[in-house]
Every structure is written in C-alpha cells, then in structure tokens.
Amino acid sequence: METVNSNQIQRFEYEEKRQQVSDLELMIADFARMANDLEQQIKIEQQTSGISDVNHFAYPTFARAAMTRRDNLRSSIAELEKRLDRARQEALDAFEQLKLSESAGDLEAQRQVKPGSRRKPPKHLGSHASTR
C-alpha cells in the first residue's frame, strides 16, 4: 500500500514537471510569434516612413517602441529557454524516480507472494534450481 502511494506521488511529480515543460514551450512559442510580428511591423513602418536608420532624428516613434518591445521579448525568450532546460532536466529526473519507485513496487509485490505458492524455476535453470 505504501508503495502504491509512493508511485502515485512520483507519477504526480513527473506529470507536474512535464506540464511545466509544456507551459514553458508554449510561452516561448508565443513570445517568438509576437517578436516576429513586431519585426514585421517595424519593417512596414520603416518602409512607410522611408527611414530605416534608427539614429535618424525622424525615425518613427512607433518603430522605435516596437524595437524595444521586440528586444524585451527576445530577452524573455532567452530566460525562458534557460528555465526550459532546467525544467526538462527536472522532468527527466522525476521520470527516473518514477521508474525506480515502480521497480521497487514490483519487487515488493514479488516478495509478498503467498508462502505455499512457490513458483517453478525457469526452464533454463533446470529442476535442481528449486532445491538450492
């Protein structure tokens, strides 16, 4: 019974870590899409104004603001990618713990076989294996 609870806890922790990975991947994809949209808007604004030099005194204010937002999104993406790497490692660790917990549960279940119900030895061990 204790092993079942341990397995359930390990499975819950693994699923939670997996969900974190999924959430981070979605956030990164959303931020990348928004950064690409801003990049397109910047290009359109530069074409409309005819000014692509960001140091020009008449450079469009909208384009400058969009560049700042785009750069902030890119910084956020870089931070999220670091978090994603850590989350993936944590998910992998949780998966390994789950497998260990399940293996321990299988061993415990094998030990709790009824006393009168001895299993036959595998054929490749021969009949003398049960007398050891």
C-alpha atoms as a PDB file:
ATOM      1  CA  MET A   1       0.000   0.000   0.000  1.00  0.00           C
ATOM      2  CA  GLU A   2       2.816   2.384   0.884  1.00  0.00           C
ATOM      3  CA  THR A   3       4.489   1.655  -2.459  1.00  0.00           C
ATOM      4  CA  VAL A   4       1.305   2.468  -4.343  1.00  0.00           C
ATOM      5  CA  ASN A   5       1.150   5.841  -2.628  1.00  0.00           C
ATOM      6  CA  SER A   6       4.816   6.404  -3.367  1.00  0.00           C
ATOM      7  CA  ASN A   7       4.217   5.521  -7.018  1.00  0.00           C
ATOM      8  CA  GLN A   8       1.270   7.896  -7.162  1.00  0.00           C
ATOM      9  CA  ILE A   9       3.331  10.696  -5.655  1.00  0.00           C
ATOM     10  CA  GLN A  10       6.189  10.059  -8.074  1.00  0.00           C
ATOM     11  CA  ARG A  11       3.780   9.961 -11.019  1.00  0.00           C
ATOM     12  CA  PHE A  12       2.149  13.215  -9.878  1.00  0.00           C
ATOM     13  CA  GLU A  13       5.560  14.907  -9.563  1.00  0.00           C
ATOM     14  CA  TYR A  14       6.574  13.677 -13.014  1.00  0.00           C
ATOM     15  CA  GLU A  15       3.314  14.877 -14.585  1.00  0.00           C
ATOM     16  CA  GLU A  16       3.722  18.251 -12.887  1.00  0.00           C
ATOM     17  CA  LYS A  17       7.264  18.638 -14.266  1.00  0.00           C
ATOM     18  CA  ARG A  18       6.099  17.578 -17.717  1.00  0.00           C
ATOM     19  CA  GLN A  19       3.342  20.195 -17.588  1.00  0.00           C
ATOM     20  CA  GLN A  20       5.894  22.863 -16.647  1.00  0.00           C
ATOM     21  CA  VAL A  21       7.961  21.914 -19.702  1.00  0.00           C
ATOM     22  CA  SER A  22       4.881  22.135 -21.899  1.00  0.00           C
ATOM     23  CA  ASP A  23       3.883  25.510 -20.446  1.00  0.00           C
ATOM     24  CA  LEU A  24       7.362  26.938 -20.993  1.00  0.00           C
ATOM     25  CA  GLU A  25       7.443  25.665 -24.575  1.00  0.00           C
ATOM     26  CA  LEU A  26       4.105  27.357 -25.270  1.00  0.00           C
ATOM     27  CA  MET A  27       5.258  30.632 -23.718  1.00  0.00           C
ATOM     28  CA  ILE A  28       8.450  30.592 -25.782  1.00  0.00           C
ATOM     29  CA  ALA A  29       6.485  29.913 -28.958  1.00  0.00           C
ATOM     30  CA  ASP A  30       4.038  32.738 -28.156  1.00  0.00           C
ATOM     31  CA  PHE A  31       6.831  35.201 -27.403  1.00  0.00           C
ATOM     32  CA  ALA A  32       8.677  34.217 -30.586  1.00  0.00           C
ATOM     33  CA  ARG A  33       5.497  34.759 -32.615  1.00  0.00           C
ATOM     34  CA  MET A  34       4.963  38.170 -31.006  1.00  0.00           C
ATOM     35  CA  ALA A  35       8.605  39.148 -31.643  1.00  0.00           C
ATOM     36  CA  ASN A  36       8.247  38.129 -35.305  1.00  0.00           C
ATOM     37  CA  ASP A  37       5.030  40.144 -35.591  1.00  0.00           C
ATOM     38  CA  LEU A  38       6.798  43.178 -34.155  1.00  0.00           C
ATOM     39  CA  GLU A  39       9.684  42.677 -36.582  1.00  0.00           C
ATOM     40  CA  GLN A  40       7.218  42.758 -39.476  1.00  0.00           C
ATOM     41  CA  GLN A  41       5.551  45.885 -38.090  1.00  0.00           C
ATOM     42  CA  ILE A  42       8.947  47.571 -37.760  1.00  0.00           C
ATOM     43  CA  LYS A  43       9.769  46.805 -41.396  1.00  0.00           C
ATOM     44  CA  ILE A  44       6.398  48.113 -42.565  1.00  0.00           C
ATOM     45  CA  GLU A  45       6.819  51.306 -40.526  1.00  0.00           C
ATOM     46  CA  GLN A  46      10.328  51.827 -41.923  1.00  0.00           C
ATOM     47  CA  GLN A  47       9.069  51.319 -45.482  1.00  0.00           C
ATOM     48  CA  THR A  48       6.154  53.671 -44.904  1.00  0.00           C
ATOM     49  CA  SER A  49       8.352  56.421 -43.484  1.00  0.00           C
ATOM     50  CA  GLY A  50      11.257  55.762 -45.827  1.00  0.00           C
ATOM     51  CA  ILE A  51      13.649  55.894 -42.856  1.00  0.00           C
ATOM     52  CA  SER A  52      15.469  52.774 -41.714  1.00  0.00           C
ATOM     53  CA  ASP A  53      18.329  54.445 -39.836  1.00  0.00           C
ATOM     54  CA  VAL A  54      17.419  54.165 -36.144  1.00  0.00           C
ATOM     55  CA  ASN A  55      19.723  57.112 -35.370  1.00  0.00           C
ATOM     56  CA  HIS A  56      17.913  59.432 -37.789  1.00  0.00           C
ATOM     57  CA  PHE A  57      16.145  62.279 -35.973  1.00  0.00           C
ATOM     58  CA  ALA A  58      12.851  61.498 -37.741  1.00  0.00           C
ATOM     59  CA  TYR A  59      12.914  57.722 -37.180  1.00  0.00           C
ATOM     60  CA  PRO A  60       9.313  56.621 -36.476  1.00  0.00           C
ATOM     61  CA  THR A  61       8.452  56.571 -32.777  1.00  0.00           C
ATOM     62  CA  PHE A  62       6.239  53.521 -33.284  1.00  0.00           C
ATOM     63  CA  ALA A  63       9.121  51.583 -34.859  1.00  0.00           C
ATOM     64  CA  ARG A  64      11.452  52.555 -32.015  1.00  0.00           C
ATOM     65  CA  ALA A  65       8.902  51.437 -29.405  1.00  0.00           C
ATOM     66  CA  ALA A  66       8.263  48.203 -31.325  1.00  0.00           C
ATOM     67  CA  MET A  67      12.009  47.525 -31.404  1.00  0.00           C
ATOM     68  CA  THR A  68      12.175  47.926 -27.631  1.00  0.00           C
ATOM     69  CA  ARG A  69       9.249  45.535 -27.132  1.00  0.00           C
ATOM     70  CA  ARG A  70      10.786  43.050 -29.594  1.00  0.00           C
ATOM     71  CA  ASP A  71      14.134  43.183 -27.789  1.00  0.00           C
ATOM     72  CA  ASN A  72      12.408  42.689 -24.435  1.00  0.00           C
ATOM     73  CA  LEU A  73      10.589  39.666 -25.832  1.00  0.00           C
ATOM     74  CA  ARG A  74      13.855  38.223 -27.109  1.00  0.00           C
ATOM     75  CA  SER A  75      15.417  38.679 -23.669  1.00  0.00           C
ATOM     76  CA  SER A  76      12.423  36.978 -22.104  1.00  0.00           C
ATOM     77  CA  ILE A  77      12.745  34.108 -24.579  1.00  0.00           C
ATOM     78  CA  ALA A  78      16.394  33.647 -23.615  1.00  0.00           C
ATOM     79  CA  GLU A  79      15.460  33.497 -19.921  1.00  0.00           C
ATOM     80  CA  LEU A  80      12.585  31.114 -20.609  1.00  0.00           C
ATOM     81  CA  GLU A  81      14.897  28.845 -22.600  1.00  0.00           C
ATOM     82  CA  LYS A  82      17.199  28.609 -19.575  1.00  0.00           C
ATOM     83  CA  ARG A  83      14.208  27.749 -17.404  1.00  0.00           C
ATOM     84  CA  LEU A  84      13.087  25.235 -20.024  1.00  0.00           C
ATOM     85  CA  ASP A  85      16.450  23.470 -19.923  1.00  0.00           C
ATOM     86  CA  ARG A  86      16.200  23.195 -16.133  1.00  0.00           C
ATOM     87  CA  ALA A  87      12.578  22.057 -16.319  1.00  0.00           C
ATOM     88  CA  ARG A  88      13.440  19.368 -18.863  1.00  0.00           C
ATOM     89  CA  GLN A  89      16.205  18.069 -16.600  1.00  0.00           C
ATOM     90  CA  GLU A  90      13.842  18.090 -13.618  1.00  0.00           C
ATOM     91  CA  ALA A  91      11.233  16.198 -15.658  1.00  0.00           C
ATOM     92  CA  LEU A  92      13.854  13.643 -16.663  1.00  0.00           C
ATOM     93  CA  ASP A  93      14.928  13.252 -13.031  1.00  0.00           C
ATOM     94  CA  ALA A  94      11.296  12.868 -11.942  1.00  0.00           C
ATOM     95  CA  PHE A  95      10.761  10.238 -14.652  1.00  0.00           C
ATOM     96  CA  GLU A  96      13.787   8.283 -13.435  1.00  0.00           C
ATOM     97  CA  GLN A  97      12.496   8.487  -9.849  1.00  0.00           C
ATOM     98  CA  LEU A  98       9.104   7.243 -11.025  1.00  0.00           C
ATOM     99  CA  LYS A  99      10.682   4.259 -12.754  1.00  0.00           C
ATOM    100  CA  LEU A 100      12.744   3.466  -9.641  1.00  0.00           C
ATOM    101  CA  SER A 101       9.634   3.715  -7.498  1.00  0.00           C
ATOM    102  CA  GLU A 102       7.702   1.428  -9.849  1.00  0.00           C
ATOM    103  CA  SER A 103      10.576  -1.071  -9.863  1.00  0.00           C
ATOM    104  CA  ALA A 104      10.676  -1.039  -6.066  1.00  0.00           C
ATOM    105  CA  GLY A 105       6.924  -1.618  -6.029  1.00  0.00           C
ATOM    106  CA  ASP A 106       7.282  -4.585  -8.382  1.00  0.00           C
ATOM    107  CA  LEU A 107       9.968  -6.107  -6.151  1.00  0.00           C
ATOM    108  CA  GLU A 108       7.819  -5.579  -3.063  1.00  0.00           C
ATOM    109  CA  ALA A 109       4.865  -7.249  -4.787  1.00  0.00           C
ATOM    110  CA  GLN A 110       7.043 -10.244  -5.669  1.00  0.00           C
ATOM    111  CA  ARG A 111       8.179 -10.585  -2.038  1.00  0.00           C
ATOM    112  CA  GLN A 112       4.611 -10.713  -0.834  1.00  0.00           C
ATOM    113  CA  VAL A 113       3.812 -13.954  -2.681  1.00  0.00           C
ATOM    114  CA  LYS A 114       1.807 -16.385  -0.524  1.00  0.00           C
ATOM    115  CA  PRO A 115       4.058 -18.796   1.438  1.00  0.00           C
ATOM    116  CA  GLY A 116       2.591 -22.007  -0.026  1.00  0.00           C
ATOM    117  CA  SER A 117       2.731 -20.859  -3.632  1.00  0.00           C
ATOM    118  CA  ARG A 118       6.367 -21.269  -4.634  1.00  0.00           C
ATOM    119  CA  ARG A 119       6.996 -20.537  -8.247  1.00  0.00           C
ATOM    120  CA  LYS A 120       8.611 -23.054 -10.531  1.00  0.00           C
ATOM    121  CA  PRO A 121      12.152 -22.168 -11.548  1.00  0.00           C
ATOM    122  CA  PRO A 122      12.674 -21.032 -15.122  1.00  0.00           C
ATOM    123  CA  LYS A 123      13.311 -23.922 -17.512  1.00  0.00           C
ATOM    124  CA  HIS A 124      16.809 -22.757 -18.354  1.00  0.00           C
ATOM    125  CA  LEU A 125      17.817 -23.233 -14.676  1.00  0.00           C
ATOM    126  CA  GLY A 126      16.746 -26.866 -14.626  1.00  0.00           C
ATOM    127  CA  SER A 127      14.842 -28.753 -11.936  1.00  0.00           C
ATOM    128  CA  HIS A 128      17.723 -28.713  -9.425  1.00  0.00           C
ATOM    129  CA  ALA A 129      17.405 -24.939  -9.006  1.00  0.00           C
ATOM    130  CA  SER A 130      14.435 -25.327  -6.640  1.00  0.00           C
ATOM    131  CA  THR A 131      16.483 -27.428  -4.198  1.00  0.00           C
ATOM    132  CA  ARG A 132      19.055 -24.713  -3.544  1.00  0.00           C
END
